[in-house]
Amino acid sequence: MDSRRTGDAVAEVEIDLGDDSESEGFDNGEEPQTLWRAQPSVDDDDYIHTSALVEISDTKPLITSRDPRGINDCLKVQFEDVIAEPVSVRSGDRVWIWSHALFEVTRVWIYRIVTLLFAVPVSVITGLLFAVFSCFHIWFVGPCTHCILMATRWLQSLWTIVLGVIVQPFFISAGRCCGGFSIHLAKE
């Protein structure tokens, strides 16, 4: 409950947080207030199998699809892709479960720590490089290319005439001469 004072009267405002799933089972009779909980978003079209440790998150994702073009499909590595035991040789079940859990937790958290350290500087550097290359291409390469094409239009026309008058008839006649040959393989 939230009470607000409007003038001299006290108005009580009840905030419904919409999470009644965890209301049972508390000893003191009070219900915990969960501000919000992210629902795992699973679309049939965009569903990519990840481990349960990665799917459960306490924050809502800002962007639902961070690799819409599938650029990094080669990095979709699961525990079973890296470590697999054949039927003839098996470790204990607890060892397998703990190895799987530690692999996933280590993979996720080391990635998060490394991206925390490198993501911002690398994005600034790549943004700077793309801006410089874009500016260079727009203001230097594009105009220079158009100037060269305009200045050499006569050379393009001359080259088209040379190809049509000299080169094309030569290759057509060579093709007709060689088209009469046939090779037969016979086993003796």
N, C-alpha and C. Protein backbone atom coordinates (compact mmCIF):
# COMPACT_ATOMS: atom_id res chain seq x y z
N MET A 1 0.84 -1.18 0.00
CA MET A 1 0.00 0.00 0.00
C MET A 1 0.88 1.24 0.00
N ASP A 2 0.43 2.23 -0.66
CA ASP A 2 1.14 3.49 -0.74
C ASP A 2 0.16 4.58 -0.35
N SER A 3 0.53 5.36 0.62
CA SER A 3 -0.38 6.44 1.02
C SER A 3 0.20 7.76 0.56
N ARG A 4 -0.66 8.59 -0.01
CA ARG A 4 -0.24 9.90 -0.50
C ARG A 4 -1.14 10.96 0.12
N ARG A 5 -0.57 12.08 0.43
CA ARG A 5 -1.33 13.15 1.04
C ARG A 5 -1.73 14.15 -0.04
N THR A 6 -3.02 14.31 -0.22
CA THR A 6 -3.54 15.31 -1.15
C THR A 6 -4.30 16.34 -0.33
N GLY A 7 -3.69 17.47 -0.17
CA GLY A 7 -4.30 18.50 0.68
C GLY A 7 -4.23 18.04 2.13
N ASP A 8 -5.39 17.99 2.82
CA ASP A 8 -5.44 17.51 4.19
C ASP A 8 -5.87 16.05 4.26
N ALA A 9 -6.43 15.52 3.20
CA ALA A 9 -6.93 14.15 3.22
C ALA A 9 -5.82 13.19 2.79
N VAL A 10 -5.88 12.00 3.35
CA VAL A 10 -4.92 10.98 3.00
C VAL A 10 -5.60 10.01 2.05
N ALA A 11 -5.03 9.87 0.86
CA ALA A 11 -5.59 8.94 -0.12
C ALA A 11 -4.68 7.73 -0.20
N GLU A 12 -5.28 6.55 -0.09
CA GLU A 12 -4.50 5.33 -0.19
C GLU A 12 -4.61 4.77 -1.59
N VAL A 13 -3.46 4.41 -2.13
CA VAL A 13 -3.40 3.86 -3.47
C VAL A 13 -2.86 2.44 -3.37
N GLU A 14 -3.60 1.50 -3.91
CA GLU A 14 -3.15 0.12 -3.89
C GLU A 14 -2.51 -0.19 -5.23
N ILE A 15 -1.31 -0.76 -5.16
CA ILE A 15 -0.59 -1.10 -6.37
C ILE A 15 -0.64 -2.60 -6.54
N ASP A 16 -1.24 -3.05 -7.62
CA ASP A 16 -1.32 -4.47 -7.93
C ASP A 16 -0.14 -4.81 -8.83
N LEU A 17 0.75 -5.64 -8.30
CA LEU A 17 1.93 -6.00 -9.05
C LEU A 17 1.71 -7.21 -9.94
N GLY A 18 0.56 -7.86 -9.83
CA GLY A 18 0.19 -8.92 -10.75
C GLY A 18 0.94 -10.22 -10.59
N ASP A 19 1.59 -10.46 -9.46
CA ASP A 19 2.33 -11.70 -9.26
C ASP A 19 1.76 -12.39 -8.04
N ASP A 20 0.74 -13.22 -8.24
CA ASP A 20 0.13 -13.95 -7.14
C ASP A 20 0.62 -15.37 -7.06
N SER A 21 1.60 -15.75 -7.87
CA SER A 21 2.04 -17.14 -7.93
C SER A 21 2.83 -17.55 -6.70
N GLU A 22 3.45 -16.64 -5.98
CA GLU A 22 4.28 -16.99 -4.84
C GLU A 22 3.66 -16.51 -3.53
N SER A 23 2.35 -16.34 -3.47
CA SER A 23 1.74 -15.76 -2.28
C SER A 23 1.56 -16.77 -1.17
N GLU A 24 1.54 -18.09 -1.43
CA GLU A 24 1.33 -19.06 -0.38
C GLU A 24 2.66 -19.48 0.24
N GLY A 25 2.59 -19.92 1.49
CA GLY A 25 3.75 -20.50 2.12
C GLY A 25 4.59 -19.54 2.94
N PHE A 26 4.07 -18.42 3.43
CA PHE A 26 4.84 -17.51 4.26
C PHE A 26 4.30 -17.56 5.67
N ASP A 27 5.21 -17.64 6.66
CA ASP A 27 4.84 -17.85 8.05
C ASP A 27 4.20 -16.63 8.69
N ASN A 28 4.68 -15.45 8.38
CA ASN A 28 4.18 -14.26 9.06
C ASN A 28 2.91 -13.70 8.43
N GLY A 29 2.39 -14.31 7.41
CA GLY A 29 1.14 -13.87 6.80
C GLY A 29 1.30 -12.76 5.79
N GLU A 30 2.47 -12.17 5.67
CA GLU A 30 2.68 -11.10 4.71
C GLU A 30 3.06 -11.69 3.37
N GLU A 31 2.61 -11.05 2.33
CA GLU A 31 2.96 -11.48 0.98
C GLU A 31 4.15 -10.65 0.50
N PRO A 32 5.13 -11.30 -0.09
CA PRO A 32 6.25 -10.52 -0.62
C PRO A 32 5.80 -9.75 -1.86
N GLN A 33 6.40 -8.61 -2.04
CA GLN A 33 6.07 -7.80 -3.20
C GLN A 33 7.19 -7.96 -4.24
N THR A 34 6.86 -8.61 -5.31
CA THR A 34 7.78 -8.77 -6.42
C THR A 34 7.48 -7.67 -7.41
N LEU A 35 8.46 -6.84 -7.69
CA LEU A 35 8.22 -5.73 -8.58
C LEU A 35 7.87 -6.22 -9.98
N TRP A 36 8.62 -7.14 -10.50
CA TRP A 36 8.30 -7.76 -11.78
C TRP A 36 9.21 -8.94 -11.96
N ARG A 37 8.82 -9.82 -12.80
CA ARG A 37 9.63 -10.98 -13.11
C ARG A 37 9.58 -11.18 -14.61
N ALA A 38 10.74 -11.38 -15.21
CA ALA A 38 10.80 -11.56 -16.65
C ALA A 38 10.31 -12.95 -17.01
N GLN A 39 9.40 -13.01 -17.94
CA GLN A 39 8.93 -14.30 -18.44
C GLN A 39 9.87 -14.73 -19.55
N PRO A 40 10.29 -15.98 -19.56
CA PRO A 40 11.17 -16.40 -20.66
C PRO A 40 10.42 -16.32 -21.98
N SER A 41 11.01 -15.59 -22.90
CA SER A 41 10.36 -15.41 -24.20
C SER A 41 10.79 -16.52 -25.13
N VAL A 42 9.83 -17.34 -25.53
CA VAL A 42 10.11 -18.45 -26.42
C VAL A 42 9.17 -18.32 -27.61
N ASP A 43 9.70 -17.87 -28.72
CA ASP A 43 8.93 -17.82 -29.96
C ASP A 43 9.27 -19.07 -30.75
N ASP A 44 8.27 -19.62 -31.40
CA ASP A 44 8.50 -20.84 -32.17
C ASP A 44 9.49 -20.60 -33.30
N ASP A 45 9.44 -19.42 -33.92
CA ASP A 45 10.32 -19.14 -35.05
C ASP A 45 11.75 -18.83 -34.60
N ASP A 46 11.88 -18.12 -33.49
CA ASP A 46 13.20 -17.66 -33.06
C ASP A 46 13.78 -18.51 -31.95
N TYR A 47 13.20 -19.68 -31.64
CA TYR A 47 13.65 -20.47 -30.51
C TYR A 47 14.98 -21.12 -30.83
N ILE A 48 15.96 -20.83 -30.02
CA ILE A 48 17.27 -21.45 -30.12
C ILE A 48 17.54 -22.09 -28.78
N HIS A 49 17.84 -23.38 -28.77
CA HIS A 49 18.00 -24.10 -27.52
C HIS A 49 19.24 -23.60 -26.78
N THR A 50 19.02 -23.12 -25.59
CA THR A 50 20.11 -22.77 -24.70
C THR A 50 19.86 -23.47 -23.38
N SER A 51 20.84 -23.48 -22.52
CA SER A 51 20.67 -24.18 -21.26
C SER A 51 19.71 -23.41 -20.36
N ALA A 52 19.20 -24.10 -19.35
CA ALA A 52 18.24 -23.48 -18.44
C ALA A 52 18.89 -22.36 -17.64
N LEU A 53 20.19 -22.46 -17.41
CA LEU A 53 20.88 -21.41 -16.64
C LEU A 53 20.92 -20.10 -17.40
N VAL A 54 20.97 -20.16 -18.71
CA VAL A 54 21.02 -18.95 -19.52
C VAL A 54 19.63 -18.37 -19.71
N GLU A 55 18.60 -19.23 -19.81
CA GLU A 55 17.24 -18.75 -20.07
C GLU A 55 16.63 -18.06 -18.86
N ILE A 56 17.00 -18.47 -17.65
CA ILE A 56 16.44 -17.87 -16.46
C ILE A 56 17.22 -16.60 -16.16
N SER A 57 16.52 -15.49 -16.13
CA SER A 57 17.18 -14.22 -15.91
C SER A 57 16.34 -13.39 -14.97
N ASP A 58 16.98 -12.56 -14.16
CA ASP A 58 16.24 -11.69 -13.26
C ASP A 58 16.02 -10.32 -13.87
N THR A 59 16.43 -10.13 -15.09
CA THR A 59 16.20 -8.86 -15.77
C THR A 59 15.51 -9.12 -17.09
N LYS A 60 14.72 -8.16 -17.52
CA LYS A 60 14.06 -8.29 -18.82
C LYS A 60 15.08 -7.96 -19.91
N PRO A 61 15.07 -8.72 -20.99
CA PRO A 61 16.02 -8.41 -22.06
C PRO A 61 15.63 -7.10 -22.75
N LEU A 62 16.64 -6.29 -23.03
CA LEU A 62 16.40 -5.02 -23.70
C LEU A 62 16.13 -5.24 -25.18
N ILE A 63 16.82 -6.18 -25.77
CA ILE A 63 16.66 -6.50 -27.17
C ILE A 63 16.39 -7.99 -27.26
N THR A 64 15.31 -8.38 -27.92
CA THR A 64 14.97 -9.80 -27.95
C THR A 64 15.90 -10.60 -28.83
N SER A 65 16.25 -10.12 -29.99
CA SER A 65 17.14 -10.85 -30.88
C SER A 65 18.41 -10.04 -31.09
N ARG A 66 19.50 -10.52 -30.52
CA ARG A 66 20.75 -9.78 -30.62
C ARG A 66 21.60 -10.22 -31.80
N ASP A 67 21.21 -11.31 -32.46
CA ASP A 67 21.91 -11.78 -33.65
C ASP A 67 20.88 -12.17 -34.70
N PRO A 68 20.13 -11.18 -35.23
CA PRO A 68 19.03 -11.52 -36.14
C PRO A 68 19.49 -12.13 -37.46
N ARG A 69 20.70 -11.85 -37.90
CA ARG A 69 21.17 -12.38 -39.17
C ARG A 69 21.97 -13.67 -39.01
N GLY A 70 22.14 -14.14 -37.78
CA GLY A 70 22.85 -15.40 -37.55
C GLY A 70 24.33 -15.32 -37.86
N ILE A 71 24.95 -14.19 -37.57
CA ILE A 71 26.37 -14.01 -37.87
C ILE A 71 27.22 -14.95 -37.02
N ASN A 72 26.82 -15.17 -35.79
CA ASN A 72 27.62 -15.97 -34.87
C ASN A 72 27.01 -17.34 -34.60
N ASP A 73 26.52 -18.00 -35.65
CA ASP A 73 25.97 -19.34 -35.48
C ASP A 73 27.02 -20.34 -35.03
N CYS A 74 28.27 -20.10 -35.36
CA CYS A 74 29.33 -21.03 -34.99
C CYS A 74 29.60 -21.02 -33.48
N LEU A 75 29.10 -20.02 -32.75
CA LEU A 75 29.35 -19.93 -31.32
C LEU A 75 28.25 -20.53 -30.46
N LYS A 76 27.28 -21.19 -31.08
CA LYS A 76 26.22 -21.83 -30.31
C LYS A 76 26.72 -23.17 -29.80
N VAL A 77 27.52 -23.12 -28.76
CA VAL A 77 28.17 -24.31 -28.22
C VAL A 77 27.48 -24.71 -26.92
N GLN A 78 27.11 -25.97 -26.85
CA GLN A 78 26.52 -26.53 -25.64
C GLN A 78 27.54 -27.45 -24.99
N PHE A 79 27.25 -27.85 -23.77
CA PHE A 79 28.13 -28.75 -23.03
C PHE A 79 28.33 -30.06 -23.79
N GLU A 80 27.25 -30.57 -24.39
CA GLU A 80 27.31 -31.84 -25.11
C GLU A 80 28.15 -31.72 -26.39
N ASP A 81 28.32 -30.51 -26.91
CA ASP A 81 29.16 -30.32 -28.10
C ASP A 81 30.64 -30.38 -27.77
N VAL A 82 30.98 -30.10 -26.52
CA VAL A 82 32.38 -30.03 -26.12
C VAL A 82 32.82 -31.30 -25.40
N ILE A 83 32.01 -31.77 -24.44
CA ILE A 83 32.37 -32.92 -23.62
C ILE A 83 31.30 -33.98 -23.80
N ALA A 84 31.73 -35.16 -24.18
CA ALA A 84 30.78 -36.27 -24.36
C ALA A 84 31.46 -37.56 -23.93
N GLU A 85 30.75 -38.35 -23.16
CA GLU A 85 31.28 -39.63 -22.70
C GLU A 85 30.62 -40.75 -23.49
N PRO A 86 31.42 -41.68 -23.99
CA PRO A 86 30.82 -42.82 -24.67
C PRO A 86 30.14 -43.75 -23.66
N VAL A 87 29.37 -44.68 -24.16
CA VAL A 87 28.63 -45.60 -23.29
C VAL A 87 29.59 -46.49 -22.51
N SER A 88 30.73 -46.84 -23.10
CA SER A 88 31.65 -47.76 -22.45
C SER A 88 32.40 -47.14 -21.28
N VAL A 89 32.57 -45.83 -21.28
CA VAL A 89 33.30 -45.16 -20.21
C VAL A 89 32.41 -44.05 -19.66
N ARG A 90 32.06 -44.17 -18.38
CA ARG A 90 31.17 -43.16 -17.79
C ARG A 90 31.66 -42.75 -16.42
N SER A 91 31.55 -41.46 -16.13
CA SER A 91 31.85 -40.97 -14.78
C SER A 91 30.58 -41.05 -13.95
N GLY A 92 30.70 -40.69 -12.71
CA GLY A 92 29.52 -40.71 -11.84
C GLY A 92 28.51 -39.66 -12.27
N ASP A 93 27.24 -39.90 -11.92
CA ASP A 93 26.18 -38.97 -12.30
C ASP A 93 26.40 -37.60 -11.68
N ARG A 94 26.81 -37.56 -10.42
CA ARG A 94 27.05 -36.27 -9.75
C ARG A 94 28.19 -35.51 -10.42
N VAL A 95 29.23 -36.23 -10.82
CA VAL A 95 30.35 -35.58 -11.51
C VAL A 95 29.87 -34.98 -12.82
N TRP A 96 29.04 -35.72 -13.55
CA TRP A 96 28.53 -35.23 -14.83
C TRP A 96 27.64 -34.01 -14.63
N ILE A 97 26.76 -34.05 -13.65
CA ILE A 97 25.85 -32.92 -13.38
C ILE A 97 26.64 -31.69 -12.96
N TRP A 98 27.59 -31.86 -12.03
CA TRP A 98 28.38 -30.72 -11.58
C TRP A 98 29.28 -30.18 -12.68
N SER A 99 29.82 -31.06 -13.51
CA SER A 99 30.65 -30.60 -14.64
C SER A 99 29.81 -29.78 -15.60
N HIS A 100 28.61 -30.25 -15.87
CA HIS A 100 27.71 -29.52 -16.78
C HIS A 100 27.37 -28.15 -16.20
N ALA A 101 27.02 -28.12 -14.92
CA ALA A 101 26.65 -26.86 -14.28
C ALA A 101 27.83 -25.89 -14.25
N LEU A 102 29.01 -26.38 -13.88
CA LEU A 102 30.18 -25.50 -13.82
C LEU A 102 30.59 -25.01 -15.20
N PHE A 103 30.46 -25.85 -16.22
CA PHE A 103 30.74 -25.42 -17.59
C PHE A 103 29.84 -24.26 -17.98
N GLU A 104 28.54 -24.42 -17.76
CA GLU A 104 27.59 -23.38 -18.16
C GLU A 104 27.80 -22.09 -17.37
N VAL A 105 27.97 -22.21 -16.06
CA VAL A 105 28.15 -21.01 -15.23
C VAL A 105 29.44 -20.30 -15.60
N THR A 106 30.51 -21.06 -15.78
CA THR A 106 31.79 -20.46 -16.14
C THR A 106 31.71 -19.79 -17.50
N ARG A 107 31.09 -20.46 -18.47
CA ARG A 107 30.97 -19.90 -19.82
C ARG A 107 30.19 -18.59 -19.79
N VAL A 108 29.09 -18.57 -19.07
CA VAL A 108 28.25 -17.39 -19.03
C VAL A 108 28.92 -16.24 -18.29
N TRP A 109 29.47 -16.52 -17.11
CA TRP A 109 30.01 -15.43 -16.30
C TRP A 109 31.34 -14.90 -16.82
N ILE A 110 32.19 -15.76 -17.34
CA ILE A 110 33.44 -15.26 -17.93
C ILE A 110 33.12 -14.41 -19.14
N TYR A 111 32.14 -14.84 -19.95
CA TYR A 111 31.73 -14.02 -21.10
C TYR A 111 31.22 -12.66 -20.63
N ARG A 112 30.41 -12.64 -19.59
CA ARG A 112 29.89 -11.37 -19.08
C ARG A 112 30.99 -10.47 -18.54
N ILE A 113 31.97 -11.04 -17.85
CA ILE A 113 33.07 -10.24 -17.30
C ILE A 113 33.94 -9.69 -18.43
N VAL A 114 34.24 -10.55 -19.42
CA VAL A 114 35.08 -10.09 -20.53
C VAL A 114 34.35 -9.02 -21.35
N THR A 115 33.05 -9.21 -21.58
CA THR A 115 32.32 -8.18 -22.33
C THR A 115 32.21 -6.89 -21.52
N LEU A 116 32.11 -7.00 -20.21
CA LEU A 116 32.09 -5.80 -19.39
C LEU A 116 33.39 -5.01 -19.56
N LEU A 117 34.51 -5.73 -19.65
CA LEU A 117 35.80 -5.06 -19.78
C LEU A 117 36.06 -4.54 -21.20
N PHE A 118 35.62 -5.30 -22.22
CA PHE A 118 36.02 -4.98 -23.59
C PHE A 118 34.92 -4.44 -24.48
N ALA A 119 33.66 -4.65 -24.16
CA ALA A 119 32.58 -4.30 -25.08
C ALA A 119 32.53 -2.80 -25.38
N VAL A 120 32.61 -1.97 -24.36
CA VAL A 120 32.50 -0.53 -24.58
C VAL A 120 33.71 0.01 -25.35
N PRO A 121 34.96 -0.32 -24.96
CA PRO A 121 36.07 0.20 -25.76
C PRO A 121 36.08 -0.31 -27.20
N VAL A 122 35.75 -1.58 -27.40
CA VAL A 122 35.75 -2.12 -28.76
C VAL A 122 34.63 -1.48 -29.58
N SER A 123 33.47 -1.26 -28.98
CA SER A 123 32.38 -0.63 -29.74
C SER A 123 32.71 0.82 -30.07
N VAL A 124 33.40 1.52 -29.19
CA VAL A 124 33.81 2.90 -29.49
C VAL A 124 34.83 2.91 -30.63
N ILE A 125 35.81 1.99 -30.58
CA ILE A 125 36.84 1.94 -31.62
C ILE A 125 36.23 1.55 -32.96
N THR A 126 35.36 0.52 -32.98
CA THR A 126 34.76 0.12 -34.25
C THR A 126 33.81 1.18 -34.77
N GLY A 127 33.08 1.86 -33.89
CA GLY A 127 32.23 2.96 -34.32
C GLY A 127 33.04 4.08 -34.94
N LEU A 128 34.17 4.39 -34.34
CA LEU A 128 35.07 5.41 -34.87
C LEU A 128 35.61 5.00 -36.23
N LEU A 129 36.05 3.74 -36.35
CA LEU A 129 36.58 3.26 -37.63
C LEU A 129 35.51 3.28 -38.72
N PHE A 130 34.30 2.78 -38.40
CA PHE A 130 33.24 2.80 -39.40
C PHE A 130 32.87 4.21 -39.80
N ALA A 131 32.89 5.14 -38.86
CA ALA A 131 32.59 6.54 -39.19
C ALA A 131 33.66 7.12 -40.11
N VAL A 132 34.92 6.85 -39.82
CA VAL A 132 36.01 7.36 -40.66
C VAL A 132 35.96 6.73 -42.05
N PHE A 133 35.76 5.40 -42.11
CA PHE A 133 35.69 4.73 -43.42
C PHE A 133 34.48 5.21 -44.21
N SER A 134 33.35 5.40 -43.54
CA SER A 134 32.16 5.89 -44.24
C SER A 134 32.40 7.29 -44.80
N CYS A 135 32.98 8.15 -43.98
CA CYS A 135 33.27 9.52 -44.43
C CYS A 135 34.26 9.49 -45.61
N PHE A 136 35.28 8.67 -45.50
CA PHE A 136 36.27 8.56 -46.58
C PHE A 136 35.62 8.05 -47.86
N HIS A 137 34.76 7.04 -47.73
CA HIS A 137 34.10 6.48 -48.92
C HIS A 137 33.12 7.48 -49.54
N ILE A 138 32.33 8.15 -48.69
CA ILE A 138 31.32 9.08 -49.21
C ILE A 138 31.96 10.32 -49.84
N TRP A 139 32.99 10.87 -49.20
CA TRP A 139 33.51 12.15 -49.66
C TRP A 139 34.74 12.04 -50.55
N PHE A 140 35.41 10.87 -50.60
CA PHE A 140 36.60 10.74 -51.44
C PHE A 140 36.47 9.66 -52.51
N VAL A 141 36.16 8.44 -52.11
CA VAL A 141 36.14 7.32 -53.05
C VAL A 141 35.00 7.48 -54.06
N GLY A 142 33.81 7.77 -53.57
CA GLY A 142 32.66 7.93 -54.47
C GLY A 142 32.85 9.02 -55.50
N PRO A 143 33.17 10.26 -55.09
CA PRO A 143 33.38 11.32 -56.09
C PRO A 143 34.54 11.04 -57.04
N CYS A 144 35.64 10.48 -56.53
CA CYS A 144 36.78 10.17 -57.40
C CYS A 144 36.40 9.11 -58.43
N THR A 145 35.63 8.10 -58.00
CA THR A 145 35.19 7.06 -58.93
C THR A 145 34.31 7.66 -60.02
N HIS A 146 33.39 8.52 -59.65
CA HIS A 146 32.52 9.15 -60.65
C HIS A 146 33.31 10.06 -61.59
N CYS A 147 34.29 10.78 -61.06
CA CYS A 147 35.12 11.62 -61.93
C CYS A 147 35.90 10.78 -62.93
N ILE A 148 36.47 9.67 -62.46
CA ILE A 148 37.23 8.79 -63.35
C ILE A 148 36.32 8.19 -64.41
N LEU A 149 35.11 7.75 -64.00
CA LEU A 149 34.18 7.18 -64.97
C LEU A 149 33.75 8.22 -66.01
N MET A 150 33.53 9.45 -65.57
CA MET A 150 33.14 10.50 -66.52
C MET A 150 34.29 10.83 -67.47
N ALA A 151 35.51 10.86 -66.96
CA ALA A 151 36.66 11.22 -67.78
C ALA A 151 37.05 10.10 -68.74
N THR A 152 36.75 8.87 -68.41
CA THR A 152 37.16 7.75 -69.26
C THR A 152 35.99 7.13 -70.01
N ARG A 153 34.92 7.86 -70.21
CA ARG A 153 33.77 7.34 -70.94
C ARG A 153 34.17 6.97 -72.38
N TRP A 154 35.04 7.79 -73.00
CA TRP A 154 35.48 7.50 -74.36
C TRP A 154 36.29 6.20 -74.41
N LEU A 155 37.07 5.93 -73.33
CA LEU A 155 37.87 4.71 -73.28
C LEU A 155 36.97 3.48 -73.14
N GLN A 156 35.88 3.62 -72.39
CA GLN A 156 34.92 2.52 -72.27
C GLN A 156 34.27 2.22 -73.63
N SER A 157 33.92 3.26 -74.36
CA SER A 157 33.32 3.06 -75.70
C SER A 157 34.33 2.41 -76.64
N LEU A 158 35.58 2.86 -76.61
CA LEU A 158 36.62 2.28 -77.46
C LEU A 158 36.83 0.81 -77.12
N TRP A 159 36.89 0.49 -75.85
CA TRP A 159 37.09 -0.90 -75.41
C TRP A 159 35.91 -1.78 -75.85
N THR A 160 34.69 -1.26 -75.79
CA THR A 160 33.53 -2.02 -76.25
C THR A 160 33.62 -2.30 -77.75
N ILE A 161 34.08 -1.33 -78.55
CA ILE A 161 34.24 -1.51 -79.99
C ILE A 161 35.32 -2.55 -80.28
N VAL A 162 36.46 -2.47 -79.58
CA VAL A 162 37.55 -3.42 -79.78
C VAL A 162 37.08 -4.84 -79.46
N LEU A 163 36.38 -5.00 -78.37
CA LEU A 163 35.87 -6.33 -78.00
C LEU A 163 34.88 -6.85 -79.04
N GLY A 164 33.99 -5.98 -79.54
CA GLY A 164 32.97 -6.41 -80.49
C GLY A 164 33.51 -6.69 -81.87
N VAL A 165 34.57 -5.95 -82.31
CA VAL A 165 35.07 -6.08 -83.68
C VAL A 165 36.20 -7.11 -83.78
N ILE A 166 37.08 -7.18 -82.80
CA ILE A 166 38.27 -8.04 -82.90
C ILE A 166 38.17 -9.30 -82.04
N VAL A 167 37.92 -9.14 -80.77
CA VAL A 167 38.01 -10.27 -79.83
C VAL A 167 36.83 -11.23 -80.00
N GLN A 168 35.61 -10.71 -80.05
CA GLN A 168 34.44 -11.58 -80.14
C GLN A 168 34.44 -12.45 -81.40
N PRO A 169 34.70 -11.91 -82.61
CA PRO A 169 34.74 -12.79 -83.80
C PRO A 169 35.84 -13.85 -83.72
N PHE A 170 36.99 -13.50 -83.13
CA PHE A 170 38.08 -14.47 -83.00
C PHE A 170 37.65 -15.65 -82.14
N PHE A 171 37.04 -15.38 -80.99
CA PHE A 171 36.63 -16.47 -80.10
C PHE A 171 35.44 -17.25 -80.67
N ILE A 172 34.58 -16.60 -81.40
CA ILE A 172 33.46 -17.31 -82.03
C ILE A 172 34.00 -18.30 -83.06
N SER A 173 34.95 -17.85 -83.93
CA SER A 173 35.52 -18.75 -84.95
C SER A 173 36.36 -19.86 -84.30
N ALA A 174 37.09 -19.55 -83.23
CA ALA A 174 37.87 -20.58 -82.53
C ALA A 174 36.94 -21.61 -81.90
N GLY A 175 35.82 -21.16 -81.38
CA GLY A 175 34.85 -22.09 -80.79
C GLY A 175 34.23 -22.99 -81.83
N ARG A 176 33.95 -22.45 -83.02
CA ARG A 176 33.37 -23.27 -84.10
C ARG A 176 34.39 -24.28 -84.62
N CYS A 177 35.66 -23.87 -84.70
CA CYS A 177 36.70 -24.81 -85.16
C CYS A 177 36.88 -25.96 -84.17
N CYS A 178 36.92 -25.61 -82.88
CA CYS A 178 37.13 -26.65 -81.86
C CYS A 178 35.86 -27.44 -81.58
N GLY A 179 34.71 -26.94 -82.01
CA GLY A 179 33.45 -27.64 -81.76
C GLY A 179 33.31 -28.89 -82.60
N GLY A 180 34.10 -29.01 -83.66
CA GLY A 180 34.04 -30.18 -84.53
C GLY A 180 34.81 -31.37 -83.97
N PHE A 181 35.67 -31.14 -83.01
CA PHE A 181 36.44 -32.24 -82.42
C PHE A 181 35.56 -33.04 -81.47
N SER A 182 35.77 -34.32 -81.48
CA SER A 182 35.09 -35.17 -80.49
C SER A 182 36.08 -36.20 -80.00
N ILE A 183 35.99 -36.54 -78.77
CA ILE A 183 36.90 -37.48 -78.15
C ILE A 183 36.10 -38.73 -77.76
N HIS A 184 36.58 -39.85 -78.19
CA HIS A 184 35.94 -41.12 -77.85
C HIS A 184 36.95 -41.94 -77.06
N LEU A 185 36.56 -42.42 -75.92
CA LEU A 185 37.42 -43.28 -75.11
C LEU A 185 37.00 -44.72 -75.33
N ALA A 186 37.96 -45.52 -75.67
CA ALA A 186 37.68 -46.93 -75.90
C ALA A 186 38.61 -47.78 -75.04
N LYS A 187 38.08 -48.80 -74.47
CA LYS A 187 38.87 -49.68 -73.64
C LYS A 187 39.39 -50.83 -74.51
N GLU A 188 40.69 -51.06 -74.54
CA GLU A 188 41.26 -52.09 -75.39
C GLU A 188 41.55 -53.34 -74.63
